[in-house]
Amino acid sequence: MTRWLAVMLVAVTTAAGLAHPASAKSDVAAAIVAGVAGAAVGAALSKNEHKAKRNRKAHFKPAPGVTCFDYQAACYYDDAGFSRSWTKRIYR
C-alpha cells in the first residue's frame, strides 16, 4: 500500500508540473516539490528491510529466539508463544 501511494504521489507531482507553463519561480518550486516527493518515496521504500527480503511462504528469524511466519503475518518467541511486539514491528 505504501509503495502504491508513493508511486501515485510521484505521478501526480509530475503531472502537475507538466500542466503549468515554466517560469523561474515555478521551476524552483517544482524542484523543491520533486525533492520532497523523492525523499518521501525513498523513506517509504526503505521503511522495513525485512519486507524487501522475504518470501511470502517462508519464515525467518529477525532476532535470536524469535521466528516470524509470513503466511500468518505473525511472530512467535521460540519458547513462550505469540509475540505482539515483534509482530507489530515486522508486519505493521
N, C-alpha and C. Protein backbone atom coordinates (compact mmCIF):
# COMPACT_ATOMS: atom_id res chain seq x y z
N MET A 1 0.82 -1.19 0.00
CA MET A 1 0.00 0.00 0.00
C MET A 1 0.87 1.26 0.00
N THR A 2 1.91 1.25 0.81
CA THR A 2 2.78 2.41 0.89
C THR A 2 3.50 2.64 -0.42
N ARG A 3 3.95 1.59 -1.07
CA ARG A 3 4.64 1.72 -2.34
C ARG A 3 3.70 2.29 -3.39
N TRP A 4 2.45 1.84 -3.41
CA TRP A 4 1.46 2.35 -4.36
C TRP A 4 1.23 3.83 -4.11
N LEU A 5 1.12 4.23 -2.85
CA LEU A 5 0.91 5.63 -2.51
C LEU A 5 2.10 6.47 -2.96
N ALA A 6 3.30 5.98 -2.77
CA ALA A 6 4.49 6.71 -3.18
C ALA A 6 4.53 6.88 -4.70
N VAL A 7 4.20 5.84 -5.43
CA VAL A 7 4.18 5.92 -6.89
C VAL A 7 3.13 6.92 -7.36
N MET A 8 1.98 6.89 -6.74
CA MET A 8 0.92 7.83 -7.11
C MET A 8 1.32 9.27 -6.80
N LEU A 9 2.01 9.50 -5.69
CA LEU A 9 2.48 10.83 -5.34
C LEU A 9 3.44 11.37 -6.39
N VAL A 10 4.35 10.53 -6.83
CA VAL A 10 5.29 10.95 -7.88
C VAL A 10 4.56 11.22 -9.19
N ALA A 11 3.60 10.37 -9.53
CA ALA A 11 2.85 10.56 -10.78
C ALA A 11 2.05 11.86 -10.75
N VAL A 12 1.40 12.15 -9.65
CA VAL A 12 0.60 13.37 -9.54
C VAL A 12 1.51 14.60 -9.57
N THR A 13 2.63 14.52 -8.87
CA THR A 13 3.58 15.64 -8.86
C THR A 13 4.11 15.90 -10.26
N THR A 14 4.44 14.86 -10.98
CA THR A 14 4.94 15.01 -12.35
C THR A 14 3.87 15.60 -13.26
N ALA A 15 2.65 15.09 -13.15
CA ALA A 15 1.56 15.60 -13.99
C ALA A 15 1.27 17.06 -13.68
N ALA A 16 1.31 17.44 -12.41
CA ALA A 16 1.06 18.83 -12.04
C ALA A 16 2.17 19.73 -12.58
N GLY A 17 3.39 19.25 -12.57
CA GLY A 17 4.50 20.04 -13.09
C GLY A 17 4.42 20.23 -14.59
N LEU A 18 3.91 19.24 -15.31
CA LEU A 18 3.80 19.34 -16.76
C LEU A 18 2.59 20.18 -17.20
N ALA A 19 1.61 20.33 -16.33
CA ALA A 19 0.39 21.04 -16.69
C ALA A 19 0.57 22.55 -16.70
N HIS A 20 1.54 23.09 -15.97
CA HIS A 20 1.73 24.54 -15.87
C HIS A 20 2.92 24.98 -16.71
N PRO A 21 2.82 26.16 -17.31
CA PRO A 21 3.96 26.66 -18.08
C PRO A 21 5.14 26.98 -17.16
N ALA A 22 6.34 26.83 -17.67
CA ALA A 22 7.54 27.02 -16.85
C ALA A 22 7.88 28.50 -16.73
N SER A 23 8.31 28.87 -15.55
CA SER A 23 8.87 30.19 -15.29
C SER A 23 9.95 30.00 -14.24
N ALA A 24 10.68 31.03 -13.94
CA ALA A 24 11.80 30.91 -12.99
C ALA A 24 11.31 30.49 -11.61
N LYS A 25 10.21 31.10 -11.15
CA LYS A 25 9.71 30.77 -9.81
C LYS A 25 9.10 29.38 -9.78
N SER A 26 8.38 28.99 -10.82
CA SER A 26 7.75 27.68 -10.80
C SER A 26 8.78 26.56 -10.95
N ASP A 27 9.91 26.83 -11.62
CA ASP A 27 10.97 25.83 -11.72
C ASP A 27 11.57 25.53 -10.35
N VAL A 28 11.78 26.57 -9.57
CA VAL A 28 12.32 26.39 -8.21
C VAL A 28 11.31 25.63 -7.36
N ALA A 29 10.06 26.02 -7.45
CA ALA A 29 9.02 25.34 -6.67
C ALA A 29 8.90 23.88 -7.08
N ALA A 30 8.96 23.63 -8.38
CA ALA A 30 8.87 22.25 -8.87
C ALA A 30 10.06 21.42 -8.39
N ALA A 31 11.24 22.02 -8.36
CA ALA A 31 12.42 21.30 -7.88
C ALA A 31 12.29 20.97 -6.39
N ILE A 32 11.74 21.89 -5.63
CA ILE A 32 11.54 21.63 -4.19
C ILE A 32 10.51 20.54 -3.99
N VAL A 33 9.40 20.61 -4.71
CA VAL A 33 8.36 19.59 -4.59
C VAL A 33 8.89 18.22 -5.01
N ALA A 34 9.65 18.18 -6.09
CA ALA A 34 10.22 16.90 -6.55
C ALA A 34 11.19 16.34 -5.52
N GLY A 35 11.98 17.20 -4.90
CA GLY A 35 12.90 16.74 -3.85
C GLY A 35 12.17 16.16 -2.65
N VAL A 36 11.11 16.84 -2.23
CA VAL A 36 10.32 16.33 -1.10
C VAL A 36 9.64 15.02 -1.48
N ALA A 37 9.09 14.95 -2.69
CA ALA A 37 8.44 13.71 -3.13
C ALA A 37 9.45 12.57 -3.22
N GLY A 38 10.64 12.86 -3.73
CA GLY A 38 11.68 11.83 -3.81
C GLY A 38 12.09 11.33 -2.44
N ALA A 39 12.21 12.25 -1.49
CA ALA A 39 12.55 11.84 -0.12
C ALA A 39 11.45 10.98 0.48
N ALA A 40 10.20 11.33 0.21
CA ALA A 40 9.07 10.54 0.74
C ALA A 40 9.06 9.15 0.13
N VAL A 41 9.31 9.06 -1.16
CA VAL A 41 9.35 7.75 -1.82
C VAL A 41 10.49 6.91 -1.26
N GLY A 42 11.67 7.50 -1.10
CA GLY A 42 12.81 6.77 -0.54
C GLY A 42 12.52 6.28 0.86
N ALA A 43 11.91 7.11 1.68
CA ALA A 43 11.59 6.71 3.05
C ALA A 43 10.55 5.59 3.06
N ALA A 44 9.57 5.69 2.18
CA ALA A 44 8.53 4.66 2.14
C ALA A 44 9.08 3.31 1.70
N LEU A 45 9.99 3.33 0.74
CA LEU A 45 10.51 2.07 0.23
C LEU A 45 11.54 1.43 1.16
N SER A 46 12.17 2.21 2.00
CA SER A 46 13.21 1.65 2.87
C SER A 46 12.76 1.54 4.32
N LYS A 47 11.48 1.63 4.58
CA LYS A 47 10.99 1.64 5.95
C LYS A 47 11.31 0.36 6.69
N ASN A 48 11.14 -0.78 6.06
CA ASN A 48 11.34 -2.04 6.75
C ASN A 48 12.19 -2.96 5.88
N GLU A 49 13.42 -3.21 6.30
CA GLU A 49 14.32 -4.01 5.49
C GLU A 49 13.88 -5.46 5.37
N HIS A 50 13.13 -5.98 6.35
CA HIS A 50 12.70 -7.37 6.29
C HIS A 50 11.68 -7.60 5.19
N LYS A 51 10.81 -6.63 4.95
CA LYS A 51 9.78 -6.81 3.93
C LYS A 51 10.36 -6.97 2.54
N ALA A 52 11.46 -6.31 2.24
CA ALA A 52 12.05 -6.40 0.91
C ALA A 52 12.75 -7.73 0.67
N LYS A 53 13.17 -8.41 1.72
CA LYS A 53 13.98 -9.61 1.59
C LYS A 53 13.18 -10.90 1.79
N ARG A 54 11.89 -10.82 2.02
CA ARG A 54 11.13 -12.01 2.40
C ARG A 54 10.45 -12.69 1.23
N ASN A 55 10.25 -13.98 1.40
CA ASN A 55 9.44 -14.78 0.51
C ASN A 55 8.12 -15.01 1.25
N ARG A 56 7.00 -14.82 0.61
CA ARG A 56 5.70 -14.88 1.29
C ARG A 56 5.40 -16.24 1.92
N LYS A 57 6.01 -17.32 1.49
CA LYS A 57 5.73 -18.63 2.06
C LYS A 57 6.79 -19.06 3.06
N ALA A 58 7.73 -18.19 3.34
CA ALA A 58 8.87 -18.55 4.19
C ALA A 58 8.67 -18.08 5.63
N HIS A 59 9.58 -18.49 6.46
CA HIS A 59 9.69 -17.95 7.81
C HIS A 59 11.12 -17.50 8.01
N PHE A 60 11.32 -16.59 8.96
CA PHE A 60 12.66 -16.06 9.19
C PHE A 60 12.79 -15.67 10.66
N LYS A 61 14.01 -15.44 11.09
CA LYS A 61 14.31 -15.08 12.47
C LYS A 61 14.89 -13.67 12.49
N PRO A 62 14.09 -12.66 12.88
CA PRO A 62 14.59 -11.30 12.94
C PRO A 62 15.53 -11.07 14.12
N ALA A 63 15.47 -11.93 15.12
CA ALA A 63 16.33 -11.84 16.30
C ALA A 63 16.46 -13.24 16.90
N PRO A 64 17.49 -13.47 17.69
CA PRO A 64 17.61 -14.78 18.35
C PRO A 64 16.39 -15.06 19.24
N GLY A 65 15.82 -16.24 19.09
CA GLY A 65 14.68 -16.64 19.90
C GLY A 65 13.33 -16.19 19.38
N VAL A 66 13.29 -15.56 18.20
CA VAL A 66 12.04 -15.07 17.61
C VAL A 66 11.94 -15.60 16.18
N THR A 67 10.78 -16.19 15.84
CA THR A 67 10.55 -16.67 14.49
C THR A 67 9.28 -16.02 13.96
N CYS A 68 9.34 -15.49 12.72
CA CYS A 68 8.19 -14.86 12.10
C CYS A 68 7.76 -15.69 10.90
N PHE A 69 6.47 -15.85 10.74
CA PHE A 69 5.89 -16.64 9.65
C PHE A 69 5.10 -15.70 8.74
N ASP A 70 5.53 -15.56 7.50
CA ASP A 70 4.88 -14.64 6.58
C ASP A 70 3.44 -15.03 6.26
N TYR A 71 3.17 -16.30 6.10
CA TYR A 71 1.81 -16.70 5.74
C TYR A 71 0.82 -16.44 6.86
N GLN A 72 1.29 -16.30 8.10
CA GLN A 72 0.42 -15.93 9.22
C GLN A 72 0.53 -14.45 9.55
N ALA A 73 1.57 -13.80 9.04
CA ALA A 73 1.88 -12.41 9.39
C ALA A 73 1.96 -12.28 10.90
N ALA A 74 2.70 -13.22 11.52
CA ALA A 74 2.82 -13.24 12.98
C ALA A 74 4.21 -13.73 13.38
N CYS A 75 4.64 -13.27 14.55
CA CYS A 75 5.93 -13.69 15.10
C CYS A 75 5.70 -14.37 16.45
N TYR A 76 6.57 -15.33 16.73
CA TYR A 76 6.46 -16.11 17.96
C TYR A 76 7.82 -16.20 18.63
N TYR A 77 7.82 -16.16 19.97
CA TYR A 77 9.02 -16.49 20.72
C TYR A 77 9.20 -18.00 20.64
N ASP A 78 10.44 -18.46 20.53
CA ASP A 78 10.68 -19.89 20.38
C ASP A 78 10.20 -20.69 21.58
N ASP A 79 10.20 -20.10 22.76
CA ASP A 79 9.83 -20.86 23.96
C ASP A 79 8.61 -20.32 24.69
N ALA A 80 7.97 -19.24 24.20
CA ALA A 80 6.89 -18.64 25.00
C ALA A 80 5.61 -18.34 24.24
N GLY A 81 5.56 -18.52 22.95
CA GLY A 81 4.33 -18.27 22.21
C GLY A 81 4.35 -16.96 21.43
N PHE A 82 3.17 -16.45 21.16
CA PHE A 82 2.97 -15.28 20.30
C PHE A 82 3.68 -14.04 20.84
N SER A 83 4.31 -13.29 19.94
CA SER A 83 4.99 -12.04 20.31
C SER A 83 4.29 -10.87 19.63
N ARG A 84 3.49 -10.15 20.39
CA ARG A 84 2.77 -9.00 19.85
C ARG A 84 3.73 -7.89 19.40
N SER A 85 4.78 -7.67 20.18
CA SER A 85 5.71 -6.58 19.85
C SER A 85 6.48 -6.86 18.55
N TRP A 86 6.96 -8.07 18.36
CA TRP A 86 7.68 -8.39 17.13
C TRP A 86 6.74 -8.42 15.93
N THR A 87 5.53 -8.92 16.12
CA THR A 87 4.55 -8.94 15.03
C THR A 87 4.26 -7.52 14.56
N LYS A 88 4.07 -6.62 15.52
CA LYS A 88 3.78 -5.23 15.17
C LYS A 88 4.97 -4.59 14.47
N ARG A 89 6.17 -4.86 14.96
CA ARG A 89 7.38 -4.27 14.39
C ARG A 89 7.62 -4.74 12.94
N ILE A 90 7.38 -5.99 12.67
CA ILE A 90 7.68 -6.56 11.35
C ILE A 90 6.55 -6.35 10.34
N TYR A 91 5.31 -6.54 10.74
CA TYR A 91 4.20 -6.57 9.79
C TYR A 91 3.33 -5.32 9.75
N ARG A 92 3.59 -4.34 10.56
CA ARG A 92 2.77 -3.12 10.53
C ARG A 92 3.57 -1.98 10.01
